[in-house]
Amino acid sequence: MNNGINKYGLKRYIPADVRRKVRYNSKQGCVLCRALFCQYHHFRPEFVDADNHNPDDICLLCPTHHDEVTRGTILNADISSAYQNTKLNDAIRPPFHQATLSGQLRLNLGNSEFDYMPNEACLLQYGTEKIFTVSYKESEVFGGSYPSISGSIFDQQGSPILLLDENTIVLASLDFDAEIKGTKILIRDNRSENSSLKLEITLIPPNGFQIDRLLMRHKDVLMKFDKTFGVRIPVGLFDAYDLMLPNMRASGADAIIAYEPWGRFLPATEFKIAGGEGVIGPFGITLARKAGRMLISEVETNLIK
């Protein structure tokens, strides 16, 4: 085999449509342990003897199990049986990934960055309800403390995409297609006609992750993370208010987005920035609440009629 090409001239690169079919057949995870971060494995025959990329003969394996197959401790016949069971068994669960974090949590949302988030901080606080929270726990393995994240990431209709339970990331539904590229997770909706991209998230060892792309709704709050960081809330039957910050840096915020339903703390055309309080807008919005340090390059507000 030379430069990723086997004796039949087959390149190791698997076409995108075949990879997508393999992920679908493998139900987005390792066919042995359901791990989310996986590699593509030719099992019938192995790649060195394959003359085509047949999705019926390729499956997803986590790096640990892929290595065991390579060393011969797991047989390809067993992989084939596990693959068939995964395809046919409706009880197979969505895949998961156990993230290892240390130090103070760092969370990037689009081009904005939030670090040194305190214990019990959250991405969104809706009244007294905390969505997507962080706590710090003592590590029995490495010593010191580590951030533990729990909560849900939703789409723009308010349906869950990812679930997090103490740093365990679980795909919310097998209706989604999860593509893994290095430390990046791309999640598309298989139910939509064009398989639209719902979430792009990058793990940033050792202490954080970045949401590169997401349009997320919780109740009547719509959040947007891409090249901007911002929030939209309704102010009337047909009206909405946008507060967008294309680039923001904040440390120590206890809530990245805090929303008090029915709040109207400022006139509709005004907002204020206060050290130790955050960016306060009308209609009950506060961004980076209680942040001890903030750097904001631009603010955009818009009352939509």
C-alpha atoms as a PDB file:
ATOM      1  CA  MET A   1       0.000   0.000   0.000  1.00  0.00           C
ATOM      2  CA  ASN A   2       1.503   3.315  -1.113  1.00  0.00           C
ATOM      3  CA  ASN A   3       0.376   6.834  -0.143  1.00  0.00           C
ATOM      4  CA  GLY A   4      -2.998   5.598   1.071  1.00  0.00           C
ATOM      5  CA  ILE A   5      -3.662   3.550  -2.081  1.00  0.00           C
ATOM      6  CA  ASN A   6      -3.992  -0.244  -1.861  1.00  0.00           C
ATOM      7  CA  LYS A   7      -2.982  -2.910  -4.374  1.00  0.00           C
ATOM      8  CA  TYR A   8      -6.216  -2.420  -6.337  1.00  0.00           C
ATOM      9  CA  GLY A   9      -5.618   1.302  -6.682  1.00  0.00           C
ATOM     10  CA  LEU A  10      -8.363   2.120  -4.144  1.00  0.00           C
ATOM     11  CA  LYS A  11      -7.752   5.333  -2.244  1.00  0.00           C
ATOM     12  CA  ARG A  12      -8.225   5.376   1.512  1.00  0.00           C
ATOM     13  CA  TYR A  13     -10.444   8.457   1.136  1.00  0.00           C
ATOM     14  CA  ILE A  14     -14.090   7.407   1.402  1.00  0.00           C
ATOM     15  CA  PRO A  15     -16.566   9.532  -0.615  1.00  0.00           C
ATOM     16  CA  ALA A  16     -18.910  11.725   1.427  1.00  0.00           C
ATOM     17  CA  ASP A  17     -22.089   9.903   0.378  1.00  0.00           C
ATOM     18  CA  VAL A  18     -20.608   6.553   1.447  1.00  0.00           C
ATOM     19  CA  ARG A  19     -19.421   7.972   4.787  1.00  0.00           C
ATOM     20  CA  ARG A  20     -22.904   9.333   5.413  1.00  0.00           C
ATOM     21  CA  LYS A  21     -24.469   5.926   4.670  1.00  0.00           C
ATOM     22  CA  VAL A  22     -21.978   4.214   6.996  1.00  0.00           C
ATOM     23  CA  ARG A  23     -22.823   6.662   9.794  1.00  0.00           C
ATOM     24  CA  TYR A  24     -26.523   6.008   9.206  1.00  0.00           C
ATOM     25  CA  ASN A  25     -26.062   2.221   9.275  1.00  0.00           C
ATOM     26  CA  SER A  26     -23.854   2.454  12.385  1.00  0.00           C
ATOM     27  CA  LYS A  27     -26.416   4.747  14.014  1.00  0.00           C
ATOM     28  CA  GLN A  28     -23.788   7.465  14.411  1.00  0.00           C
ATOM     29  CA  GLY A  29     -21.520   5.546  16.817  1.00  0.00           C
ATOM     30  CA  CYS A  30     -19.152   2.636  17.393  1.00  0.00           C
ATOM     31  CA  VAL A  31     -21.022  -0.590  16.652  1.00  0.00           C
ATOM     32  CA  LEU A  32     -19.418  -2.202  19.723  1.00  0.00           C
ATOM     33  CA  CYS A  33     -19.528   0.432  22.478  1.00  0.00           C
ATOM     34  CA  ARG A  34     -21.633   3.337  21.028  1.00  0.00           C
ATOM     35  CA  ALA A  35     -18.792   5.884  21.366  1.00  0.00           C
ATOM     36  CA  LEU A  36     -19.401   9.054  19.345  1.00  0.00           C
ATOM     37  CA  PHE A  37     -15.802   9.735  18.179  1.00  0.00           C
ATOM     38  CA  CYS A  38     -15.070   7.022  15.613  1.00  0.00           C
ATOM     39  CA  GLN A  39     -13.083   5.898  12.587  1.00  0.00           C
ATOM     40  CA  TYR A  40     -14.259   4.143   9.420  1.00  0.00           C
ATOM     41  CA  HIS A  41     -13.327   0.465   9.281  1.00  0.00           C
ATOM     42  CA  HIS A  42     -13.438  -1.871   6.259  1.00  0.00           C
ATOM     43  CA  PHE A  43     -14.296  -5.276   7.716  1.00  0.00           C
ATOM     44  CA  ARG A  44     -15.327  -7.333   4.654  1.00  0.00           C
ATOM     45  CA  PRO A  45     -12.599  -7.390   3.435  1.00  0.00           C
ATOM     46  CA  GLU A  46     -10.147  -5.088   5.216  1.00  0.00           C
ATOM     47  CA  PHE A  47      -9.031  -2.025   3.260  1.00  0.00           C
ATOM     48  CA  VAL A  48      -5.798  -3.637   2.058  1.00  0.00           C
ATOM     49  CA  ASP A  49      -7.852  -6.201   0.098  1.00  0.00           C
ATOM     50  CA  ALA A  50     -10.860  -4.039  -0.843  1.00  0.00           C
ATOM     51  CA  ASP A  51     -11.527  -2.976  -4.440  1.00  0.00           C
ATOM     52  CA  ASN A  52     -14.393  -0.567  -3.576  1.00  0.00           C
ATOM     53  CA  HIS A  53     -15.950   1.425  -0.742  1.00  0.00           C
ATOM     54  CA  ASN A  54     -19.150  -0.496  -0.108  1.00  0.00           C
ATOM     55  CA  PRO A  55     -21.152   1.016   2.808  1.00  0.00           C
ATOM     56  CA  ASP A  56     -22.444  -2.464   3.668  1.00  0.00           C
ATOM     57  CA  ASP A  57     -18.863  -3.542   4.362  1.00  0.00           C
ATOM     58  CA  ILE A  58     -17.684  -0.470   6.318  1.00  0.00           C
ATOM     59  CA  CYS A  59     -18.706   0.503   9.837  1.00  0.00           C
ATOM     60  CA  LEU A  60     -17.837   2.964  12.591  1.00  0.00           C
ATOM     61  CA  LEU A  61     -15.411   1.870  15.307  1.00  0.00           C
ATOM     62  CA  CYS A  62     -13.998   3.922  18.151  1.00  0.00           C
ATOM     63  CA  PRO A  63     -10.166   4.217  18.146  1.00  0.00           C
ATOM     64  CA  THR A  64      -9.842   1.653  20.961  1.00  0.00           C
ATOM     65  CA  HIS A  65     -11.835  -1.034  19.195  1.00  0.00           C
ATOM     66  CA  HIS A  66     -10.302  -0.169  15.813  1.00  0.00           C
ATOM     67  CA  ASP A  67      -6.883  -0.772  17.368  1.00  0.00           C
ATOM     68  CA  GLU A  68      -8.044  -4.095  18.815  1.00  0.00           C
ATOM     69  CA  VAL A  69      -9.173  -5.251  15.377  1.00  0.00           C
ATOM     70  CA  THR A  70      -5.812  -4.214  13.926  1.00  0.00           C
ATOM     71  CA  ARG A  71      -4.000  -6.233  16.641  1.00  0.00           C
ATOM     72  CA  GLY A  72      -6.255  -9.225  15.997  1.00  0.00           C
ATOM     73  CA  THR A  73      -7.890  -9.360  19.431  1.00  0.00           C
ATOM     74  CA  ILE A  74     -11.295  -8.741  17.815  1.00  0.00           C
ATOM     75  CA  LEU A  75     -12.238 -10.610  14.635  1.00  0.00           C
ATOM     76  CA  ASN A  76     -13.830  -8.950  11.621  1.00  0.00           C
ATOM     77  CA  ALA A  77     -16.511 -11.640  11.710  1.00  0.00           C
ATOM     78  CA  ASP A  78     -17.553 -10.310  15.105  1.00  0.00           C
ATOM     79  CA  ILE A  79     -17.524  -6.761  13.729  1.00  0.00           C
ATOM     80  CA  SER A  80     -19.794  -7.858  10.884  1.00  0.00           C
ATOM     81  CA  SER A  81     -22.273  -9.390  13.344  1.00  0.00           C
ATOM     82  CA  ALA A  82     -22.245  -6.268  15.513  1.00  0.00           C
ATOM     83  CA  TYR A  83     -22.811  -4.079  12.445  1.00  0.00           C
ATOM     84  CA  GLN A  84     -25.826  -6.115  11.348  1.00  0.00           C
ATOM     85  CA  ASN A  85     -27.281  -5.992  14.852  1.00  0.00           C
ATOM     86  CA  THR A  86     -26.784  -2.221  14.997  1.00  0.00           C
ATOM     87  CA  LYS A  87     -28.588  -1.709  11.693  1.00  0.00           C
ATOM     88  CA  LEU A  88     -31.543  -3.935  12.578  1.00  0.00           C
ATOM     89  CA  ASN A  89     -31.987  -3.441  16.331  1.00  0.00           C
ATOM     90  CA  ASP A  90     -34.362  -0.554  17.060  1.00  0.00           C
ATOM     91  CA  ALA A  91     -33.288  -0.596  20.717  1.00  0.00           C
ATOM     92  CA  ILE A  92     -29.768   0.642  19.859  1.00  0.00           C
ATOM     93  CA  ARG A  93     -29.221   3.932  21.682  1.00  0.00           C
ATOM     94  CA  PRO A  94     -27.695   7.176  20.319  1.00  0.00           C
ATOM     95  CA  PRO A  95     -23.907   7.485  20.755  1.00  0.00           C
ATOM     96  CA  PHE A  96     -22.097   9.307  23.555  1.00  0.00           C
ATOM     97  CA  HIS A  97     -18.727  10.873  24.344  1.00  0.00           C
ATOM     98  CA  GLN A  98     -17.208  11.327  27.800  1.00  0.00           C
ATOM     99  CA  ALA A  99     -15.314  14.640  27.701  1.00  0.00           C
ATOM    100  CA  THR A 100     -12.329  15.160  30.007  1.00  0.00           C
ATOM    101  CA  LEU A 101     -12.039  18.750  31.261  1.00  0.00           C
ATOM    102  CA  SER A 102      -9.762  20.447  33.776  1.00  0.00           C
ATOM    103  CA  GLY A 103      -9.269  23.924  35.195  1.00  0.00           C
ATOM    104  CA  GLN A 104     -11.701  26.810  34.785  1.00  0.00           C
ATOM    105  CA  LEU A 105     -14.305  26.360  32.054  1.00  0.00           C
ATOM    106  CA  ARG A 106     -13.811  28.294  28.822  1.00  0.00           C
ATOM    107  CA  LEU A 107     -16.806  28.629  26.525  1.00  0.00           C
ATOM    108  CA  ASN A 108     -16.616  30.207  23.059  1.00  0.00           C
ATOM    109  CA  LEU A 109     -19.870  31.194  21.370  1.00  0.00           C
ATOM    110  CA  GLY A 110     -19.297  32.285  17.787  1.00  0.00           C
ATOM    111  CA  ASN A 111     -16.552  34.922  17.951  1.00  0.00           C
ATOM    112  CA  SER A 112     -17.152  35.633  21.646  1.00  0.00           C
ATOM    113  CA  GLU A 113     -15.317  34.063  24.572  1.00  0.00           C
ATOM    114  CA  PHE A 114     -16.338  33.516  28.183  1.00  0.00           C
ATOM    115  CA  ASP A 115     -13.856  32.205  30.724  1.00  0.00           C
ATOM    116  CA  TYR A 116     -13.389  31.784  34.484  1.00  0.00           C
ATOM    117  CA  MET A 117     -17.063  30.891  34.763  1.00  0.00           C
ATOM    118  CA  PRO A 118     -17.871  30.401  38.467  1.00  0.00           C
ATOM    119  CA  ASN A 119     -19.577  27.460  40.131  1.00  0.00           C
ATOM    120  CA  GLU A 120     -23.274  27.149  39.155  1.00  0.00           C
ATOM    121  CA  ALA A 121     -22.829  29.503  36.170  1.00  0.00           C
ATOM    122  CA  CYS A 122     -25.007  28.835  33.132  1.00  0.00           C
ATOM    123  CA  LEU A 123     -25.398  29.524  29.434  1.00  0.00           C
ATOM    124  CA  LEU A 124     -29.005  30.669  29.793  1.00  0.00           C
ATOM    125  CA  GLN A 125     -30.963  31.623  32.858  1.00  0.00           C
ATOM    126  CA  TYR A 126     -34.671  31.987  32.132  1.00  0.00           C
ATOM    127  CA  GLY A 127     -36.158  33.544  35.246  1.00  0.00           C
ATOM    128  CA  THR A 128     -34.999  31.169  37.989  1.00  0.00           C
ATOM    129  CA  GLU A 129     -34.513  28.250  35.571  1.00  0.00           C
ATOM    130  CA  LYS A 130     -30.891  27.485  34.659  1.00  0.00           C
ATOM    131  CA  ILE A 131     -30.202  25.898  31.281  1.00  0.00           C
ATOM    132  CA  PHE A 132     -26.822  24.297  30.575  1.00  0.00           C
ATOM    133  CA  THR A 133     -24.994  24.709  33.903  1.00  0.00           C
ATOM    134  CA  VAL A 134     -21.393  24.287  35.077  1.00  0.00           C
ATOM    135  CA  SER A 135     -20.214  23.106  38.479  1.00  0.00           C
ATOM    136  CA  TYR A 136     -16.757  22.275  39.779  1.00  0.00           C
ATOM    137  CA  LYS A 137     -15.945  18.886  41.299  1.00  0.00           C
ATOM    138  CA  GLU A 138     -12.898  17.323  42.882  1.00  0.00           C
ATOM    139  CA  SER A 139     -10.956  14.968  40.618  1.00  0.00           C
ATOM    140  CA  GLU A 140     -10.052  11.650  42.257  1.00  0.00           C
ATOM    141  CA  VAL A 141      -7.686  10.785  39.389  1.00  0.00           C
ATOM    142  CA  PHE A 142      -5.759  13.990  38.647  1.00  0.00           C
ATOM    143  CA  GLY A 143      -6.327  15.975  41.843  1.00  0.00           C
ATOM    144  CA  GLY A 144      -7.694  19.512  41.953  1.00  0.00           C
ATOM    145  CA  SER A 145     -11.077  20.437  40.515  1.00  0.00           C
ATOM    146  CA  TYR A 146     -12.619  20.105  37.070  1.00  0.00           C
ATOM    147  CA  PRO A 147     -15.672  21.681  35.405  1.00  0.00           C
ATOM    148  CA  SER A 148     -18.730  19.458  35.085  1.00  0.00           C
ATOM    149  CA  ILE A 149     -21.310  20.519  32.474  1.00  0.00           C
ATOM    150  CA  SER A 150     -24.934  19.422  32.340  1.00  0.00           C
ATOM    151  CA  GLY A 151     -27.886  20.573  30.280  1.00  0.00           C
ATOM    152  CA  SER A 152     -29.219  20.518  26.735  1.00  0.00           C
ATOM    153  CA  ILE A 153     -28.509  22.222  23.428  1.00  0.00           C
ATOM    154  CA  PHE A 154     -31.654  22.866  21.387  1.00  0.00           C
ATOM    155  CA  ASP A 155     -32.377  23.792  17.773  1.00  0.00           C
ATOM    156  CA  GLN A 156     -34.371  26.797  16.606  1.00  0.00           C
ATOM    157  CA  GLN A 157     -37.645  24.924  17.141  1.00  0.00           C
ATOM    158  CA  GLY A 158     -36.721  24.126  20.743  1.00  0.00           C
ATOM    159  CA  SER A 159     -36.030  20.422  20.119  1.00  0.00           C
ATOM    160  CA  PRO A 160     -32.915  18.928  21.790  1.00  0.00           C
ATOM    161  CA  ILE A 161     -29.836  18.263  19.646  1.00  0.00           C
ATOM    162  CA  LEU A 162     -27.275  17.282  22.278  1.00  0.00           C
ATOM    163  CA  LEU A 163     -27.751  16.291  25.902  1.00  0.00           C
ATOM    164  CA  LEU A 164     -24.973  16.760  28.460  1.00  0.00           C
ATOM    165  CA  ASP A 165     -24.845  14.937  31.773  1.00  0.00           C
ATOM    166  CA  GLU A 166     -21.731  15.695  33.832  1.00  0.00           C
ATOM    167  CA  ASN A 167     -19.507  16.008  30.722  1.00  0.00           C
ATOM    168  CA  THR A 168     -21.096  13.038  28.944  1.00  0.00           C
ATOM    169  CA  ILE A 169     -22.238  14.255  25.508  1.00  0.00           C
ATOM    170  CA  VAL A 170     -25.159  12.276  24.069  1.00  0.00           C
ATOM    171  CA  LEU A 171     -26.739  12.743  20.649  1.00  0.00           C
ATOM    172  CA  ALA A 172     -30.372  13.508  21.446  1.00  0.00           C
ATOM    173  CA  SER A 173     -31.864  11.482  18.600  1.00  0.00           C
ATOM    174  CA  LEU A 174     -30.864   9.110  15.828  1.00  0.00           C
ATOM    175  CA  ASP A 175     -32.737  11.454  13.488  1.00  0.00           C
ATOM    176  CA  PHE A 176     -29.513  13.498  13.459  1.00  0.00           C
ATOM    177  CA  ASP A 177     -26.347  12.775  11.485  1.00  0.00           C
ATOM    178  CA  ALA A 178     -23.189  13.312  13.549  1.00  0.00           C
ATOM    179  CA  GLU A 179     -19.983  13.771  11.540  1.00  0.00           C
ATOM    180  CA  ILE A 180     -16.709  13.846  13.490  1.00  0.00           C
ATOM    181  CA  LYS A 181     -13.692  15.723  12.116  1.00  0.00           C
ATOM    182  CA  GLY A 182     -10.819  15.736  14.586  1.00  0.00           C
ATOM    183  CA  THR A 183     -12.186  17.491  17.695  1.00  0.00           C
ATOM    184  CA  LYS A 184     -15.112  18.975  15.764  1.00  0.00           C
ATOM    185  CA  ILE A 185     -18.692  17.641  15.850  1.00  0.00           C
ATOM    186  CA  LEU A 186     -21.020  18.522  12.959  1.00  0.00           C
ATOM    187  CA  ILE A 187     -24.661  17.631  13.471  1.00  0.00           C
ATOM    188  CA  ARG A 188     -27.215  17.716  10.649  1.00  0.00           C
ATOM    189  CA  ASP A 189     -30.929  16.987  10.654  1.00  0.00           C
ATOM    190  CA  ASN A 190     -31.651  13.869   8.594  1.00  0.00           C
ATOM    191  CA  ARG A 191     -35.333  14.786   8.550  1.00  0.00           C
ATOM    192  CA  SER A 192     -34.819  17.998   6.560  1.00  0.00           C
ATOM    193  CA  GLU A 193     -34.728  17.899   2.768  1.00  0.00           C
ATOM    194  CA  ASN A 194     -31.228  19.374   2.520  1.00  0.00           C
ATOM    195  CA  SER A 195     -29.857  17.801   5.751  1.00  0.00           C
ATOM    196  CA  SER A 196     -29.359  21.261   7.221  1.00  0.00           C
ATOM    197  CA  LEU A 197     -26.468  21.862   9.619  1.00  0.00           C
ATOM    198  CA  LYS A 198     -27.892  22.304  13.110  1.00  0.00           C
ATOM    199  CA  LEU A 199     -24.793  22.452  15.283  1.00  0.00           C
ATOM    200  CA  GLU A 200     -21.048  22.850  14.848  1.00  0.00           C
ATOM    201  CA  ILE A 201     -19.100  22.376  18.053  1.00  0.00           C
ATOM    202  CA  THR A 202     -15.353  22.063  18.691  1.00  0.00           C
ATOM    203  CA  LEU A 203     -13.827  20.575  21.829  1.00  0.00           C
ATOM    204  CA  ILE A 204     -10.932  22.680  23.125  1.00  0.00           C
ATOM    205  CA  PRO A 205      -8.766  20.638  25.529  1.00  0.00           C
ATOM    206  CA  PRO A 206      -8.212  20.825  28.382  1.00  0.00           C
ATOM    207  CA  ASN A 207     -10.931  23.132  29.661  1.00  0.00           C
ATOM    208  CA  GLY A 208     -13.582  24.077  27.168  1.00  0.00           C
ATOM    209  CA  PHE A 209     -15.378  23.972  23.885  1.00  0.00           C
ATOM    210  CA  GLN A 210     -16.593  26.267  21.153  1.00  0.00           C
ATOM    211  CA  ILE A 211     -20.024  26.495  19.553  1.00  0.00           C
ATOM    212  CA  ASP A 212     -19.177  27.665  16.034  1.00  0.00           C
ATOM    213  CA  ARG A 213     -22.705  27.489  14.662  1.00  0.00           C
ATOM    214  CA  LEU A 214     -26.069  27.207  16.399  1.00  0.00           C
ATOM    215  CA  LEU A 215     -29.517  28.755  16.273  1.00  0.00           C
ATOM    216  CA  MET A 216     -31.097  27.724  19.568  1.00  0.00           C
ATOM    217  CA  ARG A 217     -34.496  28.395  21.086  1.00  0.00           C
ATOM    218  CA  HIS A 218     -35.628  27.925  24.651  1.00  0.00           C
ATOM    219  CA  LYS A 219     -39.243  28.929  25.171  1.00  0.00           C
ATOM    220  CA  ASP A 220     -39.442  32.485  23.775  1.00  0.00           C
ATOM    221  CA  VAL A 221     -35.678  33.217  23.719  1.00  0.00           C
ATOM    222  CA  LEU A 222     -33.818  32.720  20.423  1.00  0.00           C
ATOM    223  CA  MET A 223     -29.997  32.628  20.580  1.00  0.00           C
ATOM    224  CA  LYS A 224     -27.626  32.859  17.628  1.00  0.00           C
ATOM    225  CA  PHE A 225     -23.992  31.760  17.645  1.00  0.00           C
ATOM    226  CA  ASP A 226     -21.939  31.946  14.433  1.00  0.00           C
ATOM    227  CA  LYS A 227     -19.835  35.000  13.643  1.00  0.00           C
ATOM    228  CA  THR A 228     -21.977  36.870  16.155  1.00  0.00           C
ATOM    229  CA  PHE A 229     -23.214  36.310  19.661  1.00  0.00           C
ATOM    230  CA  GLY A 230     -26.684  37.495  20.403  1.00  0.00           C
ATOM    231  CA  VAL A 231     -30.227  36.989  21.515  1.00  0.00           C
ATOM    232  CA  ARG A 232     -33.721  37.788  20.239  1.00  0.00           C
ATOM    233  CA  ILE A 233     -36.828  37.982  22.405  1.00  0.00           C
ATOM    234  CA  PRO A 234     -40.442  38.814  21.534  1.00  0.00           C
ATOM    235  CA  VAL A 235     -41.787  42.141  22.798  1.00  0.00           C
ATOM    236  CA  GLY A 236     -45.282  41.889  21.380  1.00  0.00           C
ATOM    237  CA  LEU A 237     -47.459  39.765  19.180  1.00  0.00           C
ATOM    238  CA  PHE A 238     -45.498  40.673  16.028  1.00  0.00           C
ATOM    239  CA  ASP A 239     -42.441  42.487  17.422  1.00  0.00           C
ATOM    240  CA  ALA A 240     -38.995  41.310  18.559  1.00  0.00           C
ATOM    241  CA  TYR A 241     -35.841  42.834  20.001  1.00  0.00           C
ATOM    242  CA  ASP A 242     -32.311  41.869  18.929  1.00  0.00           C
ATOM    243  CA  LEU A 243     -29.174  42.400  20.991  1.00  0.00           C
ATOM    244  CA  MET A 244     -26.075  41.270  19.062  1.00  0.00           C
ATOM    245  CA  LEU A 245     -22.371  41.456  19.944  1.00  0.00           C
ATOM    246  CA  PRO A 246     -20.183  40.336  17.027  1.00  0.00           C
ATOM    247  CA  ASN A 247     -17.151  40.113  19.321  1.00  0.00           C
ATOM    248  CA  MET A 248     -17.119  39.950  23.128  1.00  0.00           C
ATOM    249  CA  ARG A 249     -14.721  38.775  25.844  1.00  0.00           C
ATOM    250  CA  ALA A 250     -15.965  38.330  29.397  1.00  0.00           C
ATOM    251  CA  SER A 251     -14.581  36.720  32.556  1.00  0.00           C
ATOM    252  CA  GLY A 252     -16.466  35.556  35.618  1.00  0.00           C
ATOM    253  CA  ALA A 253     -20.028  35.759  34.256  1.00  0.00           C
ATOM    254  CA  ASP A 254     -22.507  33.703  36.268  1.00  0.00           C
ATOM    255  CA  ALA A 255     -25.002  33.698  33.368  1.00  0.00           C
ATOM    256  CA  ILE A 256     -24.024  34.300  29.744  1.00  0.00           C
ATOM    257  CA  ILE A 257     -27.621  35.102  28.838  1.00  0.00           C
ATOM    258  CA  ALA A 258     -30.047  36.023  31.615  1.00  0.00           C
ATOM    259  CA  TYR A 259     -33.676  36.701  30.733  1.00  0.00           C
ATOM    260  CA  GLU A 260     -36.375  37.827  33.096  1.00  0.00           C
ATOM    261  CA  PRO A 261     -39.760  37.127  31.473  1.00  0.00           C
ATOM    262  CA  TRP A 262     -41.882  40.260  31.239  1.00  0.00           C
ATOM    263  CA  GLY A 263     -38.900  42.368  32.278  1.00  0.00           C
ATOM    264  CA  ARG A 264     -38.512  45.873  30.848  1.00  0.00           C
ATOM    265  CA  PHE A 265     -35.561  47.364  32.646  1.00  0.00           C
ATOM    266  CA  LEU A 266     -34.682  50.010  30.005  1.00  0.00           C
ATOM    267  CA  PRO A 267     -36.477  51.860  27.198  1.00  0.00           C
ATOM    268  CA  ALA A 268     -36.705  49.847  23.984  1.00  0.00           C
ATOM    269  CA  THR A 269     -33.972  51.862  22.243  1.00  0.00           C
ATOM    270  CA  GLU A 270     -31.410  51.820  25.073  1.00  0.00           C
ATOM    271  CA  PHE A 271     -28.944  49.495  26.742  1.00  0.00           C
ATOM    272  CA  LYS A 272     -26.162  49.952  29.270  1.00  0.00           C
ATOM    273  CA  ILE A 273     -22.821  48.320  30.048  1.00  0.00           C
ATOM    274  CA  ALA A 274     -21.876  48.160  33.709  1.00  0.00           C
ATOM    275  CA  GLY A 275     -18.815  46.582  35.297  1.00  0.00           C
ATOM    276  CA  GLY A 276     -19.855  43.711  37.510  1.00  0.00           C
ATOM    277  CA  GLU A 277     -23.345  43.681  35.979  1.00  0.00           C
ATOM    278  CA  GLY A 278     -22.932  42.925  32.277  1.00  0.00           C
ATOM    279  CA  VAL A 279     -24.616  44.248  29.156  1.00  0.00           C
ATOM    280  CA  ILE A 280     -28.157  45.198  30.135  1.00  0.00           C
ATOM    281  CA  GLY A 281     -30.820  45.658  27.493  1.00  0.00           C
ATOM    282  CA  PRO A 282     -34.539  46.297  27.583  1.00  0.00           C
ATOM    283  CA  PHE A 283     -37.239  43.631  27.893  1.00  0.00           C
ATOM    284  CA  GLY A 284     -35.386  41.704  30.580  1.00  0.00           C
ATOM    285  CA  ILE A 285     -32.150  40.796  28.741  1.00  0.00           C
ATOM    286  CA  THR A 286     -28.726  40.790  30.405  1.00  0.00           C
ATOM    287  CA  LEU A 287     -25.611  39.370  28.715  1.00  0.00           C
ATOM    288  CA  ALA A 288     -22.500  38.295  30.661  1.00  0.00           C
ATOM    289  CA  ARG A 289     -24.263  38.963  33.947  1.00  0.00           C
ATOM    290  CA  LYS A 290     -21.942  39.780  36.872  1.00  0.00           C
ATOM    291  CA  ALA A 291     -18.825  39.518  34.679  1.00  0.00           C
ATOM    292  CA  GLY A 292     -15.824  41.032  36.430  1.00  0.00           C
ATOM    293  CA  ARG A 293     -14.135  41.933  33.148  1.00  0.00           C
ATOM    294  CA  MET A 294     -15.593  42.631  29.689  1.00  0.00           C
ATOM    295  CA  LEU A 295     -14.186  43.619  26.326  1.00  0.00           C
ATOM    296  CA  ILE A 296     -16.737  44.565  23.668  1.00  0.00           C
ATOM    297  CA  SER A 297     -15.781  45.707  20.179  1.00  0.00           C
ATOM    298  CA  GLU A 298     -19.269  46.329  18.794  1.00  0.00           C
ATOM    299  CA  VAL A 299     -22.899  46.269  19.876  1.00  0.00           C
ATOM    300  CA  GLU A 300     -25.920  46.075  17.589  1.00  0.00           C
ATOM    301  CA  THR A 301     -29.486  46.544  18.792  1.00  0.00           C
ATOM    302  CA  ASN A 302     -32.632  46.391  16.716  1.00  0.00           C
ATOM    303  CA  LEU A 303     -36.301  46.638  17.588  1.00  0.00           C
ATOM    304  CA  ILE A 304     -38.120  44.720  14.864  1.00  0.00           C
ATOM    305  CA  LYS A 305     -41.648  45.782  13.993  1.00  0.00           C
END
